[in-house]
PDB file of N, CA and C in Angstrom:
ATOM      1  N   MET A   1     -19.271  11.134  24.337  1.00  0.00           N
ATOM      2  CA  MET A   1     -19.905  11.627  23.129  1.00  0.00           C
ATOM      3  C   MET A   1     -19.124  11.100  21.933  1.00  0.00           C
ATOM      4  N   SER A   2     -19.812  10.454  21.005  1.00  0.00           N
ATOM      5  CA  SER A   2     -19.106   9.924  19.845  1.00  0.00           C
ATOM      6  C   SER A   2     -19.294  10.865  18.664  1.00  0.00           C
ATOM      7  N   LEU A   3     -18.266  10.932  17.878  1.00  0.00           N
ATOM      8  CA  LEU A   3     -18.271  11.807  16.721  1.00  0.00           C
ATOM      9  C   LEU A   3     -18.751  11.017  15.515  1.00  0.00           C
ATOM     10  N   SER A   4     -19.779  11.471  14.878  1.00  0.00           N
ATOM     11  CA  SER A   4     -20.294  10.800  13.694  1.00  0.00           C
ATOM     12  C   SER A   4     -19.721  11.468  12.447  1.00  0.00           C
ATOM     13  N   ILE A   5     -19.149  10.645  11.592  1.00  0.00           N
ATOM     14  CA  ILE A   5     -18.514  11.168  10.388  1.00  0.00           C
ATOM     15  C   ILE A   5     -19.213  10.600   9.169  1.00  0.00           C
ATOM     16  N   ASN A   6     -19.593  11.463   8.259  1.00  0.00           N
ATOM     17  CA  ASN A   6     -20.148  11.025   6.993  1.00  0.00           C
ATOM     18  C   ASN A   6     -18.998  10.948   5.997  1.00  0.00           C
ATOM     19  N   TYR A   7     -18.510   9.741   5.737  1.00  0.00           N
ATOM     20  CA  TYR A   7     -17.313   9.544   4.916  1.00  0.00           C
ATOM     21  C   TYR A   7     -17.522   9.921   3.464  1.00  0.00           C
ATOM     22  N   ARG A   8     -18.725   9.832   2.994  1.00  0.00           N
ATOM     23  CA  ARG A   8     -18.981  10.207   1.594  1.00  0.00           C
ATOM     24  C   ARG A   8     -18.750  11.692   1.367  1.00  0.00           C
ATOM     25  N   ASN A   9     -18.960  12.481   2.390  1.00  0.00           N
ATOM     26  CA  ASN A   9     -18.759  13.920   2.266  1.00  0.00           C
ATOM     27  C   ASN A   9     -17.336  14.345   2.613  1.00  0.00           C
ATOM     28  N   THR A  10     -16.567  13.456   3.220  1.00  0.00           N
ATOM     29  CA  THR A  10     -15.220  13.828   3.657  1.00  0.00           C
ATOM     30  C   THR A  10     -14.125  13.294   2.740  1.00  0.00           C
ATOM     31  N   VAL A  11     -14.491  12.606   1.687  1.00  0.00           N
ATOM     32  CA  VAL A  11     -13.504  11.978   0.811  1.00  0.00           C
ATOM     33  C   VAL A  11     -12.502  12.989   0.285  1.00  0.00           C
ATOM     34  N   ASN A  12     -12.948  14.162  -0.077  1.00  0.00           N
ATOM     35  CA  ASN A  12     -12.049  15.143  -0.686  1.00  0.00           C
ATOM     36  C   ASN A  12     -11.328  16.036   0.328  1.00  0.00           C
ATOM     37  N   ILE A  13     -11.586  15.826   1.614  1.00  0.00           N
ATOM     38  CA  ILE A  13     -10.910  16.639   2.621  1.00  0.00           C
ATOM     39  C   ILE A  13      -9.411  16.347   2.617  1.00  0.00           C
ATOM     40  N   VAL A  14      -9.058  15.063   2.543  1.00  0.00           N
ATOM     41  CA  VAL A  14      -7.656  14.666   2.545  1.00  0.00           C
ATOM     42  C   VAL A  14      -7.340  14.050   1.193  1.00  0.00           C
ATOM     43  N   LYS A  15      -6.423  14.647   0.507  1.00  0.00           N
ATOM     44  CA  LYS A  15      -6.039  14.138  -0.802  1.00  0.00           C
ATOM     45  C   LYS A  15      -4.599  13.672  -0.720  1.00  0.00           C
ATOM     46  N   VAL A  16      -4.385  12.404  -0.997  1.00  0.00           N
ATOM     47  CA  VAL A  16      -3.038  11.850  -0.994  1.00  0.00           C
ATOM     48  C   VAL A  16      -2.365  12.256  -2.298  1.00  0.00           C
ATOM     49  N   PRO A  17      -1.117  12.704  -2.218  1.00  0.00           N
ATOM     50  CA  PRO A  17      -0.416  13.125  -3.434  1.00  0.00           C
ATOM     51  C   PRO A  17      -0.306  11.987  -4.450  1.00  0.00           C
ATOM     52  N   PHE A  18      -0.448  12.328  -5.696  1.00  0.00           N
ATOM     53  CA  PHE A  18      -0.299  11.354  -6.783  1.00  0.00           C
ATOM     54  C   PHE A  18       0.650  11.922  -7.811  1.00  0.00           C
ATOM     55  N   PRO A  19       1.600  11.157  -8.301  1.00  0.00           N
ATOM     56  CA  PRO A  19       1.869   9.761  -7.961  1.00  0.00           C
ATOM     57  C   PRO A  19       2.414   9.637  -6.544  1.00  0.00           C
ATOM     58  N   PRO A  20       2.281   8.437  -5.971  1.00  0.00           N
ATOM     59  CA  PRO A  20       2.692   8.252  -4.585  1.00  0.00           C
ATOM     60  C   PRO A  20       4.193   8.443  -4.404  1.00  0.00           C
ATOM     61  N   THR A  21       4.557   8.895  -3.224  1.00  0.00           N
ATOM     62  CA  THR A  21       5.978   9.096  -2.936  1.00  0.00           C
ATOM     63  C   THR A  21       6.652   7.799  -2.509  1.00  0.00           C
ATOM     64  N   ILE A  22       5.871   6.791  -2.148  1.00  0.00           N
ATOM     65  CA  ILE A  22       6.432   5.486  -1.824  1.00  0.00           C
ATOM     66  C   ILE A  22       6.652   4.737  -3.136  1.00  0.00           C
ATOM     67  N   GLY A  23       7.803   4.124  -3.258  1.00  0.00           N
ATOM     68  CA  GLY A  23       8.126   3.437  -4.502  1.00  0.00           C
ATOM     69  C   GLY A  23       8.131   1.929  -4.348  1.00  0.00           C
ATOM     70  N   VAL A  24       8.197   1.249  -5.471  1.00  0.00           N
ATOM     71  CA  VAL A  24       8.219  -0.209  -5.491  1.00  0.00           C
ATOM     72  C   VAL A  24       9.416  -0.733  -4.694  1.00  0.00           C
ATOM     73  N   ASP A  25      10.581  -0.137  -4.896  1.00  0.00           N
ATOM     74  CA  ASP A  25      11.786  -0.607  -4.192  1.00  0.00           C
ATOM     75  C   ASP A  25      11.635  -0.516  -2.679  1.00  0.00           C
ATOM     76  N   GLU A  26      11.009   0.561  -2.211  1.00  0.00           N
ATOM     77  CA  GLU A  26      10.794   0.729  -0.761  1.00  0.00           C
ATOM     78  C   GLU A  26       9.871  -0.367  -0.226  1.00  0.00           C
ATOM     79  N   ILE A  27       8.823  -0.673  -0.970  1.00  0.00           N
ATOM     80  CA  ILE A  27       7.880  -1.714  -0.543  1.00  0.00           C
ATOM     81  C   ILE A  27       8.563  -3.080  -0.571  1.00  0.00           C
ATOM     82  N   VAL A  28       9.369  -3.338  -1.602  1.00  0.00           N
ATOM     83  CA  VAL A  28      10.097  -4.610  -1.700  1.00  0.00           C
ATOM     84  C   VAL A  28      11.036  -4.766  -0.504  1.00  0.00           C
ATOM     85  N   LYS A  29      11.733  -3.708  -0.144  1.00  0.00           N
ATOM     86  CA  LYS A  29      12.642  -3.765   1.011  1.00  0.00           C
ATOM     87  C   LYS A  29      11.879  -4.107   2.292  1.00  0.00           C
ATOM     88  N   ILE A  30      10.708  -3.536   2.449  1.00  0.00           N
ATOM     89  CA  ILE A  30       9.883  -3.822   3.622  1.00  0.00           C
ATOM     90  C   ILE A  30       9.494  -5.300   3.640  1.00  0.00           C
ATOM     91  N   HIS A  31       9.087  -5.817   2.471  1.00  0.00           N
ATOM     92  CA  HIS A  31       8.707  -7.232   2.382  1.00  0.00           C
ATOM     93  C   HIS A  31       9.881  -8.146   2.717  1.00  0.00           C
ATOM     94  N   LEU A  32      11.051  -7.829   2.182  1.00  0.00           N
ATOM     95  CA  LEU A  32      12.228  -8.661   2.441  1.00  0.00           C
ATOM     96  C   LEU A  32      12.646  -8.562   3.910  1.00  0.00           C
ATOM     97  N   LYS A  33      12.547  -7.367   4.467  1.00  0.00           N
ATOM     98  CA  LYS A  33      12.880  -7.175   5.882  1.00  0.00           C
ATOM     99  C   LYS A  33      11.945  -7.992   6.767  1.00  0.00           C
ATOM    100  N   ASN A  34      10.676  -8.061   6.373  1.00  0.00           N
ATOM    101  CA  ASN A  34       9.680  -8.817   7.137  1.00  0.00           C
ATOM    102  C   ASN A  34       9.686 -10.302   6.781  1.00  0.00           C
ATOM    103  N   ASP A  35      10.643 -10.696   5.923  1.00  0.00           N
ATOM    104  CA  ASP A  35      10.849 -12.093   5.537  1.00  0.00           C
ATOM    105  C   ASP A  35       9.599 -12.727   4.925  1.00  0.00           C
ATOM    106  N   ILE A  36       8.937 -11.987   4.060  1.00  0.00           N
ATOM    107  CA  ILE A  36       7.782 -12.528   3.356  1.00  0.00           C
ATOM    108  C   ILE A  36       8.301 -13.444   2.252  1.00  0.00           C
ATOM    109  N   LYS A  37       7.995 -14.727   2.384  1.00  0.00           N
ATOM    110  CA  LYS A  37       8.505 -15.717   1.437  1.00  0.00           C
ATOM    111  C   LYS A  37       7.531 -15.992   0.295  1.00  0.00           C
ATOM    112  N   ASN A  38       6.270 -15.872   0.562  1.00  0.00           N
ATOM    113  CA  ASN A  38       5.245 -16.164  -0.432  1.00  0.00           C
ATOM    114  C   ASN A  38       4.872 -14.872  -1.162  1.00  0.00           C
ATOM    115  N   VAL A  39       5.087 -14.829  -2.476  1.00  0.00           N
ATOM    116  CA  VAL A  39       4.793 -13.599  -3.225  1.00  0.00           C
ATOM    117  C   VAL A  39       3.310 -13.258  -3.209  1.00  0.00           C
ATOM    118  N   ASN A  40       2.476 -14.216  -2.893  1.00  0.00           N
ATOM    119  CA  ASN A  40       1.043 -13.933  -2.803  1.00  0.00           C
ATOM    120  C   ASN A  40       0.690 -13.168  -1.527  1.00  0.00           C
ATOM    121  N   GLN A  41       1.673 -12.971  -0.649  1.00  0.00           N
ATOM    122  CA  GLN A  41       1.444 -12.205   0.573  1.00  0.00           C
ATOM    123  C   GLN A  41       1.935 -10.765   0.442  1.00  0.00           C
ATOM    124  N   THR A  42       2.359 -10.385  -0.746  1.00  0.00           N
ATOM    125  CA  THR A  42       2.791  -9.005  -0.948  1.00  0.00           C
ATOM    126  C   THR A  42       1.568  -8.092  -0.967  1.00  0.00           C
ATOM    127  N   LEU A  43       1.812  -6.805  -0.786  1.00  0.00           N
ATOM    128  CA  LEU A  43       0.707  -5.842  -0.748  1.00  0.00           C
ATOM    129  C   LEU A  43       0.024  -5.746  -2.106  1.00  0.00           C
ATOM    130  N   ASN A  44      -1.309  -5.746  -2.086  1.00  0.00           N
ATOM    131  CA  ASN A  44      -2.050  -5.524  -3.330  1.00  0.00           C
ATOM    132  C   ASN A  44      -2.215  -4.013  -3.548  1.00  0.00           C
ATOM    133  N   ALA A  45      -2.841  -3.643  -4.657  1.00  0.00           N
ATOM    134  CA  ALA A  45      -2.968  -2.227  -5.029  1.00  0.00           C
ATOM    135  C   ALA A  45      -3.644  -1.410  -3.931  1.00  0.00           C
ATOM    136  N   PHE A  46      -4.737  -1.929  -3.397  1.00  0.00           N
ATOM    137  CA  PHE A  46      -5.459  -1.184  -2.365  1.00  0.00           C
ATOM    138  C   PHE A  46      -4.616  -1.017  -1.104  1.00  0.00           C
ATOM    139  N   MET A  47      -3.871  -2.051  -0.726  1.00  0.00           N
ATOM    140  CA  MET A  47      -3.068  -1.972   0.494  1.00  0.00           C
ATOM    141  C   MET A  47      -1.903  -0.986   0.330  1.00  0.00           C
ATOM    142  N   ILE A  48      -1.347  -0.899  -0.867  1.00  0.00           N
ATOM    143  CA  ILE A  48      -0.311   0.108  -1.117  1.00  0.00           C
ATOM    144  C   ILE A  48      -0.925   1.500  -0.999  1.00  0.00           C
ATOM    145  N   TYR A  49      -2.097   1.669  -1.605  1.00  0.00           N
ATOM    146  CA  TYR A  49      -2.836   2.932  -1.521  1.00  0.00           C
ATOM    147  C   TYR A  49      -3.134   3.268  -0.059  1.00  0.00           C
ATOM    148  N   ARG A  50      -3.593   2.268   0.674  1.00  0.00           N
ATOM    149  CA  ARG A  50      -3.942   2.482   2.081  1.00  0.00           C
ATOM    150  C   ARG A  50      -2.708   2.858   2.893  1.00  0.00           C
ATOM    151  N   LYS A  51      -1.586   2.188   2.615  1.00  0.00           N
ATOM    152  CA  LYS A  51      -0.351   2.478   3.352  1.00  0.00           C
ATOM    153  C   LYS A  51       0.008   3.957   3.216  1.00  0.00           C
ATOM    154  N   LYS A  52      -0.108   4.475   2.021  1.00  0.00           N
ATOM    155  CA  LYS A  52       0.193   5.884   1.787  1.00  0.00           C
ATOM    156  C   LYS A  52      -0.866   6.770   2.447  1.00  0.00           C
ATOM    157  N   HIS A  53      -2.101   6.358   2.342  1.00  0.00           N
ATOM    158  CA  HIS A  53      -3.214   7.118   2.904  1.00  0.00           C
ATOM    159  C   HIS A  53      -3.111   7.197   4.427  1.00  0.00           C
ATOM    160  N   ASN A  54      -2.690   6.099   5.048  1.00  0.00           N
ATOM    161  CA  ASN A  54      -2.599   6.061   6.513  1.00  0.00           C
ATOM    162  C   ASN A  54      -1.734   7.191   7.047  1.00  0.00           C
ATOM    163  N   ARG A  55      -0.632   7.465   6.354  1.00  0.00           N
ATOM    164  CA  ARG A  55       0.274   8.519   6.809  1.00  0.00           C
ATOM    165  C   ARG A  55      -0.413   9.883   6.807  1.00  0.00           C
ATOM    166  N   VAL A  56      -1.250  10.098   5.814  1.00  0.00           N
ATOM    167  CA  VAL A  56      -1.927  11.388   5.683  1.00  0.00           C
ATOM    168  C   VAL A  56      -3.116  11.475   6.637  1.00  0.00           C
ATOM    169  N   VAL A  57      -3.915  10.414   6.680  1.00  0.00           N
ATOM    170  CA  VAL A  57      -5.141  10.414   7.483  1.00  0.00           C
ATOM    171  C   VAL A  57      -4.827  10.343   8.980  1.00  0.00           C
ATOM    172  N   ALA A  58      -3.684   9.783   9.342  1.00  0.00           N
ATOM    173  CA  ALA A  58      -3.318   9.656  10.756  1.00  0.00           C
ATOM    174  C   ALA A  58      -3.339  11.000  11.463  1.00  0.00           C
ATOM    175  N   LYS A  59      -3.088  12.051  10.732  1.00  0.00           N
ATOM    176  CA  LYS A  59      -3.072  13.389  11.328  1.00  0.00           C
ATOM    177  C   LYS A  59      -4.462  13.831  11.791  1.00  0.00           C
ATOM    178  N   LEU A  60      -5.500  13.134  11.342  1.00  0.00           N
ATOM    179  CA  LEU A  60      -6.868  13.484  11.724  1.00  0.00           C
ATOM    180  C   LEU A  60      -7.298  12.836  13.031  1.00  0.00           C
ATOM    181  N   ASN A  61      -6.432  11.996  13.608  1.00  0.00           N
ATOM    182  CA  ASN A  61      -6.717  11.297  14.867  1.00  0.00           C
ATOM    183  C   ASN A  61      -7.995  10.463  14.810  1.00  0.00           C
ATOM    184  N   LEU A  62      -8.170   9.712  13.743  1.00  0.00           N
ATOM    185  CA  LEU A  62      -9.318   8.821  13.611  1.00  0.00           C
ATOM    186  C   LEU A  62      -8.948   7.433  14.111  1.00  0.00           C
ATOM    187  N   SER A  63      -9.950   6.656  14.499  1.00  0.00           N
ATOM    188  CA  SER A  63      -9.691   5.266  14.879  1.00  0.00           C
ATOM    189  C   SER A  63      -9.344   4.482  13.613  1.00  0.00           C
ATOM    190  N   SER A  64      -8.750   3.305  13.780  1.00  0.00           N
ATOM    191  CA  SER A  64      -8.384   2.512  12.602  1.00  0.00           C
ATOM    192  C   SER A  64      -9.634   2.095  11.816  1.00  0.00           C
ATOM    193  N   LYS A  65     -10.733   1.891  12.516  1.00  0.00           N
ATOM    194  CA  LYS A  65     -11.999   1.563  11.853  1.00  0.00           C
ATOM    195  C   LYS A  65     -12.448   2.743  10.970  1.00  0.00           C
ATOM    196  N   ASP A  66     -12.332   3.940  11.503  1.00  0.00           N
ATOM    197  CA  ASP A  66     -12.710   5.127  10.735  1.00  0.00           C
ATOM    198  C   ASP A  66     -11.768   5.350   9.559  1.00  0.00           C
ATOM    199  N   VAL A  67     -10.476   5.097   9.780  1.00  0.00           N
ATOM    200  CA  VAL A  67      -9.509   5.231   8.688  1.00  0.00           C
ATOM    201  C   VAL A  67      -9.863   4.258   7.564  1.00  0.00           C
ATOM    202  N   SER A  68     -10.219   3.021   7.925  1.00  0.00           N
ATOM    203  CA  SER A  68     -10.587   2.016   6.921  1.00  0.00           C
ATOM    204  C   SER A  68     -11.765   2.486   6.073  1.00  0.00           C
ATOM    205  N   LYS A  69     -12.775   3.012   6.724  1.00  0.00           N
ATOM    206  CA  LYS A  69     -13.947   3.513   5.998  1.00  0.00           C
ATOM    207  C   LYS A  69     -13.559   4.688   5.097  1.00  0.00           C
ATOM    208  N   PHE A  70     -12.750   5.557   5.646  1.00  0.00           N
ATOM    209  CA  PHE A  70     -12.319   6.743   4.908  1.00  0.00           C
ATOM    210  C   PHE A  70     -11.538   6.345   3.655  1.00  0.00           C
ATOM    211  N   VAL A  71     -10.581   5.430   3.832  1.00  0.00           N
ATOM    212  CA  VAL A  71      -9.736   5.016   2.709  1.00  0.00           C
ATOM    213  C   VAL A  71     -10.559   4.241   1.680  1.00  0.00           C
ATOM    214  N   LYS A  72     -11.472   3.396   2.148  1.00  0.00           N
ATOM    215  CA  LYS A  72     -12.331   2.630   1.236  1.00  0.00           C
ATOM    216  C   LYS A  72     -13.112   3.575   0.327  1.00  0.00           C
ATOM    217  N   ASN A  73     -13.689   4.601   0.897  1.00  0.00           N
ATOM    218  CA  ASN A  73     -14.457   5.556   0.104  1.00  0.00           C
ATOM    219  C   ASN A  73     -13.562   6.387  -0.816  1.00  0.00           C
ATOM    220  N   SER A  74     -12.367   6.707  -0.341  1.00  0.00           N
ATOM    221  CA  SER A  74     -11.432   7.448  -1.184  1.00  0.00           C
ATOM    222  C   SER A  74     -11.033   6.611  -2.394  1.00  0.00           C
ATOM    223  N   TRP A  75     -10.751   5.320  -2.156  1.00  0.00           N
ATOM    224  CA  TRP A  75     -10.359   4.411  -3.245  1.00  0.00           C
ATOM    225  C   TRP A  75     -11.476   4.310  -4.283  1.00  0.00           C
ATOM    226  N   LYS A  76     -12.705   4.186  -3.803  1.00  0.00           N
ATOM    227  CA  LYS A  76     -13.858   4.091  -4.721  1.00  0.00           C
ATOM    228  C   LYS A  76     -13.951   5.315  -5.629  1.00  0.00           C
ATOM    229  N   ASN A  77     -13.572   6.467  -5.117  1.00  0.00           N
ATOM    230  CA  ASN A  77     -13.718   7.714  -5.863  1.00  0.00           C
ATOM    231  C   ASN A  77     -12.495   8.090  -6.697  1.00  0.00           C
ATOM    232  N   GLU A  78     -11.429   7.294  -6.616  1.00  0.00           N
ATOM    233  CA  GLU A  78     -10.242   7.584  -7.420  1.00  0.00           C
ATOM    234  C   GLU A  78     -10.522   7.262  -8.886  1.00  0.00           C
ATOM    235  N   PRO A  79      -9.970   8.054  -9.794  1.00  0.00           N
ATOM    236  CA  PRO A  79     -10.145   7.734 -11.215  1.00  0.00           C
ATOM    237  C   PRO A  79      -9.368   6.459 -11.573  1.00  0.00           C
ATOM    238  N   ASN A  80      -9.738   5.849 -12.679  1.00  0.00           N
ATOM    239  CA  ASN A  80      -9.121   4.588 -13.086  1.00  0.00           C
ATOM    240  C   ASN A  80      -7.616   4.699 -13.283  1.00  0.00           C
ATOM    241  N   ASN A  81      -7.125   5.838 -13.769  1.00  0.00           N
ATOM    242  CA  ASN A  81      -5.678   5.948 -13.984  1.00  0.00           C
ATOM    243  C   ASN A  81      -4.908   5.863 -12.666  1.00  0.00           C
ATOM    244  N   VAL A  82      -5.479   6.354 -11.589  1.00  0.00           N
ATOM    245  CA  VAL A  82      -4.835   6.267 -10.275  1.00  0.00           C
ATOM    246  C   VAL A  82      -4.845   4.818  -9.797  1.00  0.00           C
ATOM    247  N   LYS A  83      -6.002   4.162  -9.893  1.00  0.00           N
ATOM    248  CA  LYS A  83      -6.092   2.756  -9.484  1.00  0.00           C
ATOM    249  C   LYS A  83      -5.157   1.891 -10.319  1.00  0.00           C
ATOM    250  N   ASP A  84      -5.089   2.155 -11.631  1.00  0.00           N
ATOM    251  CA  ASP A  84      -4.203   1.384 -12.506  1.00  0.00           C
ATOM    252  C   ASP A  84      -2.740   1.558 -12.113  1.00  0.00           C
ATOM    253  N   HIS A  85      -2.383   2.755 -11.698  1.00  0.00           N
ATOM    254  CA  HIS A  85      -1.013   3.007 -11.257  1.00  0.00           C
ATOM    255  C   HIS A  85      -0.681   2.132 -10.047  1.00  0.00           C
ATOM    256  N   TYR A  86      -1.575   2.082  -9.078  1.00  0.00           N
ATOM    257  CA  TYR A  86      -1.356   1.256  -7.893  1.00  0.00           C
ATOM    258  C   TYR A  86      -1.378  -0.230  -8.236  1.00  0.00           C
ATOM    259  N   ARG A  87      -2.227  -0.635  -9.181  1.00  0.00           N
ATOM    260  CA  ARG A  87      -2.250  -2.037  -9.617  1.00  0.00           C
ATOM    261  C   ARG A  87      -0.913  -2.426 -10.254  1.00  0.00           C
ATOM    262  N   GLN A  88      -0.370  -1.518 -11.059  1.00  0.00           N
ATOM    263  CA  GLN A  88       0.923  -1.783 -11.684  1.00  0.00           C
ATOM    264  C   GLN A  88       2.022  -1.848 -10.630  1.00  0.00           C
ATOM    265  N   MET A  89       1.949  -0.972  -9.644  1.00  0.00           N
ATOM    266  CA  MET A  89       2.922  -1.018  -8.552  1.00  0.00           C
ATOM    267  C   MET A  89       2.866  -2.372  -7.849  1.00  0.00           C
ATOM    268  N   ALA A  90       1.666  -2.862  -7.570  1.00  0.00           N
ATOM    269  CA  ALA A  90       1.506  -4.148  -6.882  1.00  0.00           C
ATOM    270  C   ALA A  90       2.100  -5.284  -7.714  1.00  0.00           C
ATOM    271  N   LYS A  91       1.878  -5.262  -9.020  1.00  0.00           N
ATOM    272  CA  LYS A  91       2.467  -6.284  -9.906  1.00  0.00           C
ATOM    273  C   LYS A  91       3.986  -6.209  -9.864  1.00  0.00           C
ATOM    274  N   ASN A  92       4.524  -4.995  -9.892  1.00  0.00           N
ATOM    275  CA  ASN A  92       5.976  -4.823  -9.860  1.00  0.00           C
ATOM    276  C   ASN A  92       6.564  -5.269  -8.527  1.00  0.00           C
ATOM    277  N   VAL A  93       5.852  -5.008  -7.451  1.00  0.00           N
ATOM    278  CA  VAL A  93       6.307  -5.451  -6.130  1.00  0.00           C
ATOM    279  C   VAL A  93       6.384  -6.977  -6.118  1.00  0.00           C
ATOM    280  N   LYS A  94       5.323  -7.619  -6.571  1.00  0.00           N
ATOM    281  CA  LYS A  94       5.283  -9.083  -6.581  1.00  0.00           C
ATOM    282  C   LYS A  94       6.432  -9.649  -7.415  1.00  0.00           C
ATOM    283  N   LYS A  95       6.646  -9.067  -8.593  1.00  0.00           N
ATOM    284  CA  LYS A  95       7.706  -9.529  -9.491  1.00  0.00           C
ATOM    285  C   LYS A  95       9.080  -9.316  -8.863  1.00  0.00           C
ATOM    286  N   ASN A  96       9.312  -8.151  -8.291  1.00  0.00           N
ATOM    287  CA  ASN A  96      10.621  -7.836  -7.706  1.00  0.00           C
ATOM    288  C   ASN A  96      10.902  -8.649  -6.445  1.00  0.00           C
ATOM    289  N   VAL A  97       9.882  -8.881  -5.623  1.00  0.00           N
ATOM    290  CA  VAL A  97      10.076  -9.715  -4.433  1.00  0.00           C
ATOM    291  C   VAL A  97      10.457 -11.126  -4.870  1.00  0.00           C
ATOM    292  N   SER A  98       9.786 -11.621  -5.884  1.00  0.00           N
ATOM    293  CA  SER A  98      10.080 -12.962  -6.393  1.00  0.00           C
ATOM    294  C   SER A  98      11.522 -13.044  -6.897  1.00  0.00           C
ATOM    295  N   LYS A  99      11.953 -12.063  -7.666  1.00  0.00           N
ATOM    296  CA  LYS A  99      13.324 -12.047  -8.192  1.00  0.00           C
ATOM    297  C   LYS A  99      14.349 -11.985  -7.063  1.00  0.00           C
ATOM    298  N   LYS A 100      14.127 -11.097  -6.119  1.00  0.00           N
ATOM    299  CA  LYS A 100      15.096 -10.913  -5.033  1.00  0.00           C
ATOM    300  C   LYS A 100      15.131 -12.122  -4.107  1.00  0.00           C
ATOM    301  N   ARG A 101      13.981 -12.738  -3.854  1.00  0.00           N
ATOM    302  CA  ARG A 101      13.955 -13.959  -3.042  1.00  0.00           C
ATOM    303  C   ARG A 101      14.752 -15.056  -3.747  1.00  0.00           C
ATOM    304  N   PHE A 102      14.600 -15.160  -5.083  1.00  0.00           N
ATOM    305  CA  PHE A 102      15.345 -16.164  -5.842  1.00  0.00           C
ATOM    306  C   PHE A 102      16.842 -15.886  -5.770  1.00  0.00           C
ATOM    307  N   LEU A 103      17.234 -14.623  -5.944  1.00  0.00           N
ATOM    308  CA  LEU A 103      18.656 -14.268  -5.862  1.00  0.00           C
ATOM    309  C   LEU A 103      19.227 -14.579  -4.480  1.00  0.00           C
ATOM    310  N   LEU A 104      18.477 -14.282  -3.443  1.00  0.00           N
ATOM    311  CA  LEU A 104      18.927 -14.596  -2.090  1.00  0.00           C
ATOM    312  C   LEU A 104      19.079 -16.105  -1.901  1.00  0.00           C
ATOM    313  N   PHE A 105      18.170 -16.860  -2.491  1.00  0.00           N
ATOM    314  CA  PHE A 105      18.249 -18.323  -2.420  1.00  0.00           C
ATOM    315  C   PHE A 105      19.501 -18.823  -3.130  1.00  0.00           C
ATOM    316  N   VAL A 106      19.752 -18.328  -4.334  1.00  0.00           N
ATOM    317  CA  VAL A 106      20.932 -18.738  -5.107  1.00  0.00           C
ATOM    318  C   VAL A 106      22.210 -18.366  -4.363  1.00  0.00           C
ATOM    319  N   LEU A 107      22.233 -17.173  -3.810  1.00  0.00           N
ATOM    320  CA  LEU A 107      23.418 -16.740  -3.054  1.00  0.00           C
ATOM    321  C   LEU A 107      23.646 -17.609  -1.810  1.00  0.00           C
ATOM    322  N   SER A 108      22.569 -17.985  -1.152  1.00  0.00           N
ATOM    323  CA  SER A 108      22.699 -18.830   0.052  1.00  0.00           C
ATOM    324  C   SER A 108      23.267 -20.195  -0.307  1.00  0.00           C
ATOM    325  N   ILE A 109      22.922 -20.726  -1.476  1.00  0.00           N
ATOM    326  CA  ILE A 109      23.467 -22.016  -1.925  1.00  0.00           C
ATOM    327  C   ILE A 109      24.943 -21.838  -2.309  1.00  0.00           C
ATOM    328  N   ALA A 110      25.266 -20.748  -2.982  1.00  0.00           N
ATOM    329  CA  ALA A 110      26.633 -20.516  -3.429  1.00  0.00           C
ATOM    330  C   ALA A 110      27.592 -20.326  -2.254  1.00  0.00           C
ATOM    331  N   ILE A 111      27.103 -19.760  -1.165  1.00  0.00           N
ATOM    332  CA  ILE A 111      27.949 -19.496  -0.002  1.00  0.00           C
ATOM    333  C   ILE A 111      28.268 -20.794   0.744  1.00  0.00           C
ATOM    334  N   LYS A 112      27.347 -21.750   0.696  1.00  0.00           N
ATOM    335  CA  LYS A 112      27.518 -23.017   1.443  1.00  0.00           C
ATOM    336  C   LYS A 112      28.623 -23.826   0.899  1.00  0.00           C
TER     337      LYS A 112
END
């Protein structure tokens, strides 16, 4: 028996805290740990939002496909100030990853 979920009606069931508890520095550390060299591969605003949402929605025991639908609808219904906050976070992540990658490069040359 499959469970049918109407995501438009469930958007407000799970509300992710705002502002997010995950910070730019934490995301940058994850990127550096995963050795992401191209700043264009950093998380965008929606993916940062989704990362936070996943932790909350995971408690509902939904499939990843259902989580995607749920988060997509939640993102659509967020006010612009929330989306702008995540967009700014994504810009800061990209900028900070770029700076730290450059510093690591300079340090690697200086050590040689």
